[in-house]
N, C-alpha and C. Protein backbone atom coordinates (compact mmCIF):
# COMPACT_ATOMS: atom_id res chain seq x y z
N MET A 1 0.84 -1.17 0.00
CA MET A 1 0.00 0.00 0.00
C MET A 1 0.89 1.24 0.00
N LYS A 2 0.48 2.22 -0.76
CA LYS A 2 1.28 3.42 -0.93
C LYS A 2 0.51 4.65 -0.47
N GLU A 3 1.21 5.58 0.14
CA GLU A 3 0.59 6.84 0.54
C GLU A 3 0.20 7.64 -0.70
N LYS A 4 -0.88 8.41 -0.58
CA LYS A 4 -1.30 9.27 -1.68
C LYS A 4 -1.52 10.67 -1.14
N ASP A 5 -1.02 11.65 -1.87
CA ASP A 5 -1.21 13.05 -1.51
C ASP A 5 -2.46 13.58 -2.21
N TYR A 6 -3.42 14.05 -1.44
CA TYR A 6 -4.69 14.54 -1.96
C TYR A 6 -4.74 16.06 -2.07
N LEU A 7 -3.68 16.76 -1.76
CA LEU A 7 -3.73 18.22 -1.76
C LEU A 7 -4.10 18.76 -3.14
N GLY A 8 -3.49 18.25 -4.20
CA GLY A 8 -3.78 18.72 -5.56
C GLY A 8 -5.23 18.48 -5.95
N GLU A 9 -5.73 17.29 -5.62
CA GLU A 9 -7.13 16.97 -5.93
C GLU A 9 -8.09 17.84 -5.12
N PHE A 10 -7.75 18.07 -3.86
CA PHE A 10 -8.57 18.92 -3.01
C PHE A 10 -8.59 20.34 -3.56
N TRP A 11 -7.44 20.82 -3.99
CA TRP A 11 -7.33 22.17 -4.55
C TRP A 11 -8.21 22.29 -5.80
N SER A 12 -8.13 21.30 -6.68
CA SER A 12 -8.96 21.29 -7.90
C SER A 12 -10.45 21.26 -7.55
N TYR A 13 -10.80 20.47 -6.56
CA TYR A 13 -12.18 20.39 -6.10
C TYR A 13 -12.67 21.76 -5.63
N LEU A 14 -11.85 22.45 -4.85
CA LEU A 14 -12.22 23.78 -4.36
C LEU A 14 -12.40 24.78 -5.49
N GLU A 15 -11.53 24.70 -6.49
CA GLU A 15 -11.61 25.63 -7.63
C GLU A 15 -12.90 25.45 -8.43
N GLN A 16 -13.47 24.25 -8.38
CA GLN A 16 -14.72 23.97 -9.10
C GLN A 16 -15.94 24.47 -8.32
N GLN A 17 -15.77 24.69 -7.02
CA GLN A 17 -16.88 25.14 -6.19
C GLN A 17 -17.07 26.64 -6.37
N GLU A 18 -18.28 27.09 -6.20
CA GLU A 18 -18.58 28.52 -6.33
C GLU A 18 -19.20 29.06 -5.05
N THR A 19 -18.58 28.71 -3.92
CA THR A 19 -19.11 29.14 -2.63
C THR A 19 -18.11 30.08 -1.96
N LYS A 20 -18.62 30.84 -1.02
CA LYS A 20 -17.75 31.76 -0.28
C LYS A 20 -16.72 30.99 0.54
N ILE A 21 -17.15 29.87 1.15
CA ILE A 21 -16.23 29.10 1.99
C ILE A 21 -15.10 28.49 1.16
N SER A 22 -15.41 28.01 -0.04
CA SER A 22 -14.35 27.43 -0.87
C SER A 22 -13.33 28.50 -1.27
N LYS A 23 -13.80 29.68 -1.57
CA LYS A 23 -12.88 30.78 -1.91
C LYS A 23 -12.04 31.18 -0.70
N ARG A 24 -12.66 31.18 0.46
CA ARG A 24 -11.94 31.52 1.69
C ARG A 24 -10.85 30.47 1.98
N ILE A 25 -11.18 29.21 1.77
CA ILE A 25 -10.20 28.15 1.99
C ILE A 25 -9.07 28.23 0.97
N LEU A 26 -9.39 28.49 -0.29
CA LEU A 26 -8.34 28.66 -1.30
C LEU A 26 -7.41 29.80 -0.94
N ASN A 27 -7.95 30.90 -0.45
CA ASN A 27 -7.10 32.03 -0.03
C ASN A 27 -6.16 31.60 1.09
N TRP A 28 -6.67 30.81 2.03
CA TRP A 28 -5.82 30.33 3.12
C TRP A 28 -4.76 29.36 2.60
N LEU A 29 -5.16 28.45 1.70
CA LEU A 29 -4.20 27.48 1.14
C LEU A 29 -3.10 28.17 0.34
N ASN A 30 -3.40 29.30 -0.26
CA ASN A 30 -2.40 30.05 -1.03
C ASN A 30 -1.24 30.53 -0.18
N LYS A 31 -1.40 30.50 1.12
CA LYS A 31 -0.31 30.90 2.02
C LYS A 31 0.70 29.77 2.24
N ASP A 32 0.44 28.60 1.63
CA ASP A 32 1.35 27.44 1.67
C ASP A 32 1.66 26.94 3.07
N TYR A 33 0.65 26.85 3.92
CA TYR A 33 0.84 26.30 5.25
C TYR A 33 0.73 24.77 5.27
N ILE A 34 0.07 24.20 4.27
CA ILE A 34 -0.10 22.74 4.21
C ILE A 34 0.80 22.19 3.11
N TRP A 35 1.60 21.21 3.50
CA TRP A 35 2.51 20.55 2.56
C TRP A 35 1.76 19.46 1.81
N SER A 36 0.94 18.67 2.52
CA SER A 36 0.18 17.61 1.87
C SER A 36 -0.97 17.12 2.75
N ILE A 37 -1.94 16.52 2.08
CA ILE A 37 -3.03 15.81 2.72
C ILE A 37 -2.79 14.35 2.37
N VAL A 38 -2.32 13.59 3.33
CA VAL A 38 -1.88 12.22 3.06
C VAL A 38 -2.99 11.22 3.39
N GLY A 39 -3.28 10.35 2.43
CA GLY A 39 -4.20 9.24 2.64
C GLY A 39 -3.43 7.94 2.60
N TYR A 40 -3.68 7.09 3.59
CA TYR A 40 -2.97 5.80 3.64
C TYR A 40 -3.77 4.82 4.49
N GLY A 41 -4.05 3.66 3.94
CA GLY A 41 -4.69 2.60 4.71
C GLY A 41 -6.02 2.97 5.35
N GLY A 42 -6.81 3.79 4.68
CA GLY A 42 -8.10 4.18 5.22
C GLY A 42 -8.07 5.35 6.18
N THR A 43 -6.88 5.90 6.44
CA THR A 43 -6.76 7.07 7.31
C THR A 43 -6.11 8.22 6.53
N TRP A 44 -6.26 9.40 7.07
CA TRP A 44 -5.60 10.56 6.46
C TRP A 44 -5.05 11.46 7.56
N TRP A 45 -4.09 12.28 7.18
CA TRP A 45 -3.51 13.28 8.08
C TRP A 45 -2.93 14.41 7.26
N LEU A 46 -2.63 15.50 7.93
CA LEU A 46 -2.05 16.68 7.28
C LEU A 46 -0.57 16.78 7.60
N GLU A 47 0.19 17.24 6.63
CA GLU A 47 1.59 17.60 6.85
C GLU A 47 1.70 19.09 6.57
N LYS A 48 2.14 19.84 7.57
CA LYS A 48 2.22 21.30 7.46
C LYS A 48 3.64 21.72 7.13
N THR A 49 3.76 22.90 6.54
CA THR A 49 5.08 23.46 6.22
C THR A 49 5.71 24.13 7.42
N ASP A 50 4.88 24.47 8.42
CA ASP A 50 5.36 25.15 9.62
C ASP A 50 4.59 24.60 10.81
N SER A 51 5.29 23.98 11.73
CA SER A 51 4.62 23.36 12.88
C SER A 51 3.96 24.38 13.80
N MET A 52 4.32 25.64 13.68
CA MET A 52 3.76 26.67 14.55
C MET A 52 2.42 27.20 14.04
N VAL A 53 2.06 26.87 12.81
CA VAL A 53 0.82 27.37 12.22
C VAL A 53 -0.36 26.51 12.65
N SER A 54 -1.42 27.16 13.07
CA SER A 54 -2.67 26.46 13.40
C SER A 54 -3.57 26.46 12.18
N ILE A 55 -4.20 25.35 11.94
CA ILE A 55 -5.13 25.25 10.83
C ILE A 55 -6.51 25.69 11.35
N PRO A 56 -7.11 26.67 10.70
CA PRO A 56 -8.42 27.12 11.15
C PRO A 56 -9.44 25.98 11.10
N ASN A 57 -10.39 26.00 12.01
CA ASN A 57 -11.41 24.94 12.06
C ASN A 57 -12.17 24.82 10.75
N TYR A 58 -12.50 25.94 10.12
CA TYR A 58 -13.27 25.86 8.88
C TYR A 58 -12.49 25.16 7.77
N VAL A 59 -11.16 25.30 7.75
CA VAL A 59 -10.33 24.61 6.76
C VAL A 59 -10.27 23.12 7.10
N PHE A 60 -9.97 22.82 8.34
CA PHE A 60 -9.87 21.41 8.76
C PHE A 60 -11.19 20.68 8.53
N ASP A 61 -12.30 21.29 8.91
CA ASP A 61 -13.61 20.64 8.75
C ASP A 61 -13.93 20.35 7.29
N TYR A 62 -13.58 21.27 6.41
CA TYR A 62 -13.84 21.08 4.98
C TYR A 62 -12.97 19.95 4.43
N ILE A 63 -11.71 19.92 4.85
CA ILE A 63 -10.81 18.83 4.42
C ILE A 63 -11.34 17.50 4.94
N GLU A 64 -11.78 17.49 6.20
CA GLU A 64 -12.28 16.25 6.79
C GLU A 64 -13.50 15.72 6.02
N LYS A 65 -14.42 16.59 5.66
CA LYS A 65 -15.59 16.17 4.88
C LYS A 65 -15.18 15.65 3.51
N TYR A 66 -14.24 16.33 2.87
CA TYR A 66 -13.75 15.90 1.56
C TYR A 66 -13.10 14.52 1.66
N MET A 67 -12.25 14.33 2.64
CA MET A 67 -11.54 13.05 2.77
C MET A 67 -12.48 11.92 3.16
N LYS A 68 -13.51 12.22 3.91
CA LYS A 68 -14.52 11.21 4.25
C LYS A 68 -15.20 10.71 2.98
N LYS A 69 -15.47 11.63 2.05
CA LYS A 69 -16.06 11.25 0.75
C LYS A 69 -15.10 10.37 -0.06
N GLN A 70 -13.80 10.52 0.20
CA GLN A 70 -12.80 9.71 -0.50
C GLN A 70 -12.61 8.35 0.17
N GLY A 71 -13.27 8.16 1.31
CA GLY A 71 -13.21 6.89 2.02
C GLY A 71 -12.17 6.82 3.12
N TYR A 72 -11.74 7.99 3.61
CA TYR A 72 -10.71 8.05 4.65
C TYR A 72 -11.27 8.63 5.95
N GLU A 73 -10.71 8.19 7.05
CA GLU A 73 -11.05 8.72 8.36
C GLU A 73 -9.80 9.38 8.94
N TYR A 74 -10.00 10.49 9.64
CA TYR A 74 -8.87 11.22 10.21
C TYR A 74 -8.13 10.34 11.21
N LEU A 75 -6.84 10.30 11.10
CA LEU A 75 -5.99 9.43 11.90
C LEU A 75 -6.25 9.53 13.40
N TRP A 76 -6.42 10.74 13.91
CA TRP A 76 -6.59 10.93 15.34
C TRP A 76 -8.03 10.80 15.82
N SER A 77 -8.95 10.45 14.89
CA SER A 77 -10.35 10.21 15.26
C SER A 77 -10.62 8.74 15.54
N ILE A 78 -9.65 7.92 15.26
CA ILE A 78 -9.85 6.46 15.43
C ILE A 78 -9.66 6.05 16.87
C-alpha cells in the first residue's frame, strides 16, 4: 500500500466550487501552510510546512468532509 497526496485533488475540487467558503479556503491554502493531505490505509492526516501554524477549524472541517467522501477517516479520530 502506498501513501497518496490529496492536496492537488482537493485544490482542484475547491476551484470547481462557487461558494464563499471554498474561496476563503483557497485564499488560506495560497499561504502554503499545508505541505500535503496524506491518505494511507483508510486514514488521512495533514503535513504542514510550519509546525507553529494552526489550521483554522473551517479549513480542517472542509478537508475532513472531503476526505470522508474519499473513504478516509482522520488518523486521530480512530
